Structures are given as C-alpha cells and as structure tokens.
Amino acid sequence: MYHDVIGPDGVRGGFAGAGAAVYAVGAAEFERQMDGIERALGTPPLRADQARLEDGTRASGWMLTFDDGGASALAVGEALARRGWPAHFFVVTALVGTPGFLDWDGIRVLAAQGHEIGSHSHSHPGRIGDLSTSRLHDEFARSVVAISEALGAPVRTASVPGGYYSNAVGRAAASAGISTLFTSQPQRAVEQVDGCAVVGRYAVRGSTSCGAVVAAARGRATPWLRQRLGWSAKGLAKRLGGRRYERLRRYVLSRRGSGRGARTRPPE
C-alpha cells in the first residue's frame, strides 16, 4: 500500500500535514523498490480480479495499491505502465479536481494505461467505522456511481479510508457493488463479508527500507509480523485512549511540521 510518491521537484500531492508525510516515498526510492521486487519475483503485480481471494486463503501473487488519488499518481501510473505493471488507484471522489488531487481526465488516463480505478470513499471521513449504516453505504455508493459514470465501466474495488475497518464497513462496500475491499490491516489471510473479499495490505512509509518492501512482496512473514505488532499496539492505544489518543496524535504530528499539499489528512 502506497500513498504519495514525491517527484523530482519535491512537491507532494494528496493530503497535507505531517500525518500524510509519513507515507510519502521519494520517486527514486520508489523505482528502487520496484526494481528490487522485479528482480526478486520476476512476475508482474496482479489485479484483484486475477488473484485468488477465497475466504481464509492468502492472496496468490502480489498487488500494488495507491490510496487517495493524489496528483503524483499520474507519474506513478506512467512509470508502472512502462514496466507493463497494473496497479490499483483508489480515489476520493469529493476531492477529484481539487488542488493536489487528480482530475477526471487524469483518472481516465490511468484507466487507459490498464490500471484499476476504485473507490476510497466519497469524502474520506475521519472515522468511517463510526458512521451510521446509511452514511456508510452513501460514502461508497456515491463514489462508485461517480467513478463508473466518469469511466463508463463498473467499479469493483475499494479501499478503506483511514484504516478504520469493521464488518459494517465491509457490508456497506458490498452493498455498493464492491467485490474486493482493501484495508490497512497488515494481515495476509483473506476474509469474506457478504460476498466481498476483504484484503489486508502492507503499508509502505517513507522510512520503509527497500529490503522490507521486497520481503513483504515475496510474502516473507517477518515484515508483515512486525507491522502487525505495531498495528495491534496502536489499536489498543486507540481503544483505551479514545478521543484523547487522537488529540495526542494530532499534537505530536503538528510538532513535526505541517508539510505541503492541499488538504490535511484525517487522523488515522
């Protein structure tokens, strides 16, 4: 799972703020990671409809995903297309065409390059799992309709904004026609909710080493386990701290600097 890839000019796209900056990867480092995966695996990434996503299994092969629909996705998509590699790009439809984010023309270019365009919700709510059933459905349904109308094709994939997954989120995505839902949970076993495959991801941050990225793509247990332990510890802190945890996180991130971009990422 990637977010923003910083170009040679050093300008970030997508969400602003220190929280988003954690996930920004330099273009040269991104290419080094892709080269490392290509040497290690020798096989291109799969699209969701090509992977074996049965309940309780581990996805066959490997996949590339990019969240938010930041403006850098256009250069990333072109670089991957030169390799003949497809990827999944998940867009926040309410932000399409706003500063720092792709417009519909750019999204259509990505689709023409063979990439899968999916939903990252309509508005990227801060805590999507806390929404009512009707609002959850609306977040995915509005996004799916907007993308399908823009591309003239059905939308079958989505990713959960902010990493706040619950079974209610999965059911809402399924009710909107999503057949594969990617979460931010670092788990390799696939789950099924109302016929929708729920797939975990390994998150690549700006500090993630090339070796760890390659090992994760190869399905090595160590990087996944390390990230899962961190995820579990953070989840416990969220449950115990509640809103205080989020206030503390925002304070810590604000001390790191505001970063550059159009909008501030909701807290994860």
Protein backbone atom coordinates (compact mmCIF):
# COMPACT_ATOMS: atom_id res chain seq x y z
CA MET A 1 0.00 0.00 0.00
CA TYR A 2 1.41 3.34 -1.13
CA HIS A 3 0.07 6.86 -0.88
CA ASP A 4 2.14 9.70 -2.30
CA VAL A 5 5.30 9.36 -4.40
CA ILE A 6 7.26 12.61 -4.35
CA GLY A 7 8.52 13.77 -7.75
CA PRO A 8 11.93 15.28 -8.52
CA ASP A 9 10.58 18.77 -7.77
CA GLY A 10 9.94 17.72 -4.17
CA VAL A 11 6.28 18.76 -4.27
CA ARG A 12 3.82 16.43 -2.58
CA GLY A 13 0.30 15.79 -3.77
CA GLY A 14 -2.77 14.48 -1.99
CA PHE A 15 -3.35 15.29 1.67
CA ALA A 16 -1.13 17.74 3.52
CA GLY A 17 0.25 17.55 7.03
CA ALA A 18 2.81 15.52 8.91
CA GLY A 19 0.44 12.53 9.11
CA ALA A 20 0.37 12.24 5.32
CA ALA A 21 4.10 12.99 5.04
CA VAL A 22 4.86 9.76 6.90
CA TYR A 23 3.64 7.84 3.84
CA ALA A 24 5.40 9.92 1.18
CA VAL A 25 8.08 7.99 -0.72
CA GLY A 26 10.65 9.64 -2.99
CA ALA A 27 10.43 8.83 -6.70
CA ALA A 28 13.98 7.44 -6.85
CA GLU A 29 13.37 5.21 -3.84
CA PHE A 30 10.06 4.03 -5.29
CA GLU A 31 11.80 2.98 -8.51
CA ARG A 32 14.46 1.20 -6.46
CA GLN A 33 11.76 -0.72 -4.63
CA MET A 34 10.04 -1.69 -7.88
CA ASP A 35 13.37 -2.81 -9.35
CA GLY A 36 14.02 -4.91 -6.25
CA ILE A 37 10.64 -6.60 -6.46
CA GLU A 38 11.09 -7.25 -10.17
CA ARG A 39 14.46 -8.91 -9.58
CA ALA A 40 13.19 -10.95 -6.64
CA LEU A 41 9.85 -12.11 -8.03
CA GLY A 42 10.12 -11.84 -11.78
CA THR A 43 6.33 -11.62 -12.06
CA PRO A 44 4.13 -8.54 -12.52
CA PRO A 45 1.57 -7.50 -9.92
CA LEU A 46 -1.94 -8.86 -10.24
CA ARG A 47 -5.23 -7.06 -10.49
CA ALA A 48 -7.79 -8.04 -7.87
CA ASP A 49 -9.86 -9.96 -10.44
CA GLN A 50 -6.80 -12.10 -11.23
CA ALA A 51 -5.93 -13.03 -7.64
CA ARG A 52 -7.33 -15.99 -5.76
CA LEU A 53 -9.25 -14.25 -2.99
CA GLU A 54 -11.09 -17.05 -1.25
CA ASP A 55 -12.08 -16.92 2.40
CA GLY A 56 -9.23 -17.87 4.73
CA THR A 57 -6.62 -18.12 1.99
CA ARG A 58 -3.69 -15.86 1.22
CA ALA A 59 -3.85 -13.91 -1.99
CA SER A 60 -1.84 -15.54 -4.74
CA GLY A 61 0.86 -13.34 -6.24
CA TRP A 62 1.15 -9.71 -5.17
CA MET A 63 -0.67 -6.45 -5.82
CA LEU A 64 0.13 -2.74 -5.83
CA THR A 65 -2.32 -0.20 -4.42
CA PHE A 66 -2.27 3.60 -4.11
CA ASP A 67 -4.68 5.48 -1.86
CA ASP A 68 -6.15 9.00 -2.01
CA GLY A 69 -5.83 9.89 -5.73
CA GLY A 70 -3.10 12.50 -5.26
CA ALA A 71 -1.70 14.26 -8.31
CA SER A 72 1.51 12.18 -8.19
CA ALA A 73 -0.50 9.12 -9.23
CA LEU A 74 -0.29 10.17 -12.88
CA ALA A 75 3.52 9.93 -13.00
CA VAL A 76 3.43 6.71 -10.97
CA GLY A 77 0.90 5.16 -13.32
CA GLU A 78 3.02 6.05 -16.33
CA ALA A 79 6.17 4.59 -14.75
CA LEU A 80 4.36 1.35 -13.94
CA ALA A 81 2.82 1.18 -17.41
CA ARG A 82 6.34 1.26 -18.89
CA ARG A 83 7.03 -1.91 -16.95
CA GLY A 84 3.75 -3.41 -18.11
CA TRP A 85 2.55 -3.47 -14.50
CA PRO A 86 -1.06 -2.82 -13.46
CA ALA A 87 -1.90 -1.21 -10.13
CA HIS A 88 -4.96 -0.16 -8.16
CA PHE A 89 -5.60 3.55 -7.64
CA PHE A 90 -8.29 4.47 -5.11
CA VAL A 91 -9.75 7.97 -5.36
CA VAL A 92 -11.75 10.18 -3.01
CA THR A 93 -14.44 11.38 -5.39
CA ALA A 94 -15.31 14.58 -3.50
CA LEU A 95 -11.68 15.71 -3.92
CA VAL A 96 -11.28 14.92 -7.63
CA GLY A 97 -10.04 18.04 -9.42
CA THR A 98 -9.20 19.96 -6.24
CA PRO A 99 -5.64 21.24 -5.63
CA GLY A 100 -3.21 18.39 -5.07
CA PHE A 101 -5.54 15.70 -6.43
CA LEU A 102 -6.13 14.13 -9.84
CA ASP A 103 -8.92 15.43 -12.05
CA TRP A 104 -11.19 13.12 -14.06
CA ASP A 105 -9.04 13.44 -17.18
CA GLY A 106 -6.04 12.18 -15.23
CA ILE A 107 -8.06 9.34 -13.77
CA ARG A 108 -9.17 8.32 -17.25
CA VAL A 109 -5.53 8.31 -18.36
CA LEU A 110 -4.70 5.88 -15.55
CA ALA A 111 -7.56 3.61 -16.56
CA ALA A 112 -6.43 3.69 -20.21
CA GLN A 113 -2.97 2.57 -19.06
CA GLY A 114 -4.52 -0.61 -17.67
CA HIS A 115 -4.76 0.40 -14.04
CA GLU A 116 -7.76 -0.39 -11.86
CA ILE A 117 -9.63 2.64 -10.53
CA GLY A 118 -11.50 2.10 -7.31
CA SER A 119 -13.26 3.95 -4.51
CA HIS A 120 -11.56 5.43 -1.45
CA SER A 121 -14.99 6.64 -0.27
CA HIS A 122 -16.68 9.87 -1.31
CA SER A 123 -15.41 12.25 1.37
CA HIS A 124 -12.68 10.35 3.29
CA PRO A 125 -14.40 10.61 6.71
CA GLY A 126 -12.04 10.70 9.68
CA ARG A 127 -13.57 7.64 11.40
CA ILE A 128 -15.58 5.83 8.78
CA GLY A 129 -16.33 2.93 11.11
CA ASP A 130 -18.29 5.27 13.40
CA LEU A 131 -20.77 6.28 10.69
CA SER A 132 -24.34 5.05 10.59
CA THR A 133 -25.30 2.25 8.22
CA SER A 134 -26.96 4.67 5.80
CA ARG A 135 -24.00 7.05 5.76
CA LEU A 136 -21.55 4.18 5.30
CA HIS A 137 -23.49 2.97 2.28
CA ASP A 138 -23.69 6.53 0.92
CA GLU A 139 -19.91 7.00 1.17
CA PHE A 140 -19.24 4.01 -1.06
CA ALA A 141 -22.32 4.21 -3.29
CA ARG A 142 -21.80 7.89 -4.25
CA SER A 143 -18.15 7.22 -5.01
CA VAL A 144 -18.90 4.13 -7.08
CA VAL A 145 -21.54 5.94 -9.14
CA ALA A 146 -19.23 8.92 -9.81
CA ILE A 147 -16.31 6.74 -10.92
CA SER A 148 -18.42 4.41 -13.06
CA GLU A 149 -20.07 7.36 -14.82
CA ALA A 150 -16.69 9.01 -15.47
CA LEU A 151 -15.07 5.83 -16.81
CA GLY A 152 -18.06 4.12 -18.38
CA ALA A 153 -17.24 0.91 -16.52
CA PRO A 154 -18.33 -0.80 -13.31
CA VAL A 155 -16.33 -0.25 -10.11
CA ARG A 156 -15.49 -3.43 -8.24
CA THR A 157 -12.67 -2.43 -5.87
CA ALA A 158 -12.30 -0.04 -2.96
CA SER A 159 -10.03 0.72 -0.02
CA VAL A 160 -10.97 1.84 3.47
CA PRO A 161 -10.04 5.47 4.29
CA GLY A 162 -8.04 5.99 7.47
CA GLY A 163 -7.71 2.28 8.15
CA TYR A 164 -10.86 2.14 10.29
CA TYR A 165 -12.29 -1.19 9.13
CA SER A 166 -15.22 -3.02 10.68
CA ASN A 167 -17.68 -5.62 9.43
CA ALA A 168 -20.20 -2.81 8.98
CA VAL A 169 -17.76 -1.08 6.62
CA GLY A 170 -17.35 -4.32 4.68
CA ARG A 171 -21.11 -4.80 4.39
CA ALA A 172 -21.56 -1.23 3.18
CA ALA A 173 -18.92 -1.70 0.49
CA ALA A 174 -20.52 -4.97 -0.60
CA SER A 175 -23.96 -3.33 -0.80
CA ALA A 176 -22.46 -0.72 -3.17
CA GLY A 177 -21.26 -3.46 -5.54
CA ILE A 178 -17.65 -3.74 -4.33
CA SER A 179 -16.24 -7.26 -4.68
CA THR A 180 -12.75 -6.57 -3.27
CA LEU A 181 -12.15 -4.23 -0.33
CA PHE A 182 -8.60 -3.41 0.75
CA THR A 183 -7.97 -2.45 4.36
CA SER A 184 -4.89 -1.01 6.09
CA GLN A 185 -4.64 -4.02 8.38
CA PRO A 186 -1.34 -5.89 7.83
CA GLN A 187 -2.86 -9.33 7.53
CA ARG A 188 -2.42 -11.79 4.68
CA ALA A 189 -5.46 -14.01 5.20
CA VAL A 190 -8.48 -13.04 3.10
CA GLU A 191 -11.91 -12.66 4.71
CA GLN A 192 -15.33 -12.57 3.11
CA VAL A 193 -18.18 -10.24 4.10
CA ASP A 194 -21.43 -10.56 2.14
CA GLY A 195 -19.53 -11.84 -0.90
CA CYS A 196 -16.89 -9.09 -0.72
CA ALA A 197 -13.27 -10.20 -0.32
CA VAL A 198 -11.55 -8.20 2.44
CA VAL A 199 -7.80 -7.98 1.83
CA GLY A 200 -5.14 -6.62 4.18
CA ARG A 201 -2.10 -4.64 2.99
CA TYR A 202 1.50 -3.94 3.94
CA ALA A 203 1.87 -0.17 4.31
CA VAL A 204 4.95 1.42 2.75
CA ARG A 205 6.13 4.55 4.52
CA GLY A 206 8.87 6.98 3.64
CA SER A 207 11.08 5.25 6.21
CA THR A 208 10.41 1.70 4.98
CA SER A 209 13.57 0.06 3.63
CA CYS A 210 13.75 -1.39 0.15
CA GLY A 211 14.61 -4.78 1.67
CA ALA A 212 11.46 -4.78 3.79
CA VAL A 213 9.29 -3.86 0.79
CA VAL A 214 10.75 -6.67 -1.31
CA ALA A 215 10.40 -9.17 1.54
CA ALA A 216 6.77 -8.17 2.07
CA ALA A 217 6.02 -8.57 -1.65
CA ARG A 218 7.60 -12.02 -1.54
CA GLY A 219 5.29 -12.97 1.31
CA ARG A 220 8.01 -13.26 3.93
CA ALA A 221 6.49 -13.38 7.41
CA THR A 222 8.85 -11.02 9.25
CA PRO A 223 7.86 -7.63 7.76
CA TRP A 224 4.18 -8.48 7.99
CA LEU A 225 4.51 -9.61 11.60
CA ARG A 226 6.44 -6.50 12.64
CA GLN A 227 3.83 -4.25 11.11
CA ARG A 228 1.00 -6.27 12.61
CA LEU A 229 2.50 -5.95 16.10
CA GLY A 230 2.70 -2.19 15.66
CA TRP A 231 -0.84 -2.09 14.32
CA SER A 232 -2.14 -4.10 17.29
CA ALA A 233 -0.37 -1.83 19.79
CA LYS A 234 -1.80 1.25 18.10
CA GLY A 235 -5.26 -0.30 18.09
CA LEU A 236 -5.06 -0.96 21.81
CA ALA A 237 -3.97 2.62 22.45
CA LYS A 238 -6.92 3.89 20.40
CA ARG A 239 -9.40 1.77 22.32
CA LEU A 240 -8.01 2.76 25.73
CA GLY A 241 -7.36 6.40 24.92
CA GLY A 242 -10.39 7.15 22.78
CA ARG A 243 -10.51 10.80 21.71
CA ARG A 244 -7.55 11.59 23.95
CA TYR A 245 -5.40 9.33 21.79
CA GLU A 246 -6.37 11.26 18.66
CA ARG A 247 -5.76 14.63 20.29
CA LEU A 248 -2.32 13.48 21.42
CA ARG A 249 -1.53 12.10 17.96
CA ARG A 250 -2.54 15.35 16.28
CA TYR A 251 -0.36 17.29 18.71
CA VAL A 252 2.68 15.07 18.09
CA LEU A 253 2.26 15.29 14.32
CA SER A 254 1.81 19.06 14.45
CA ARG A 255 5.18 19.31 16.18
CA ARG A 256 6.80 17.62 13.18
CA GLY A 257 5.66 20.32 10.79
CA SER A 258 2.69 20.84 8.58
CA GLY A 259 4.11 19.53 5.27
CA ARG A 260 2.81 20.65 1.90
CA GLY A 261 -0.36 19.80 -0.01
CA ALA A 262 -3.94 20.84 -0.46
CA ARG A 263 -5.77 19.27 2.46
CA THR A 264 -4.87 17.80 5.81
CA ARG A 265 -5.24 14.06 6.13
CA PRO A 266 -7.82 12.97 8.70
CA PRO A 267 -6.17 11.24 11.68
CA GLU A 268 -5.60 7.51 11.38
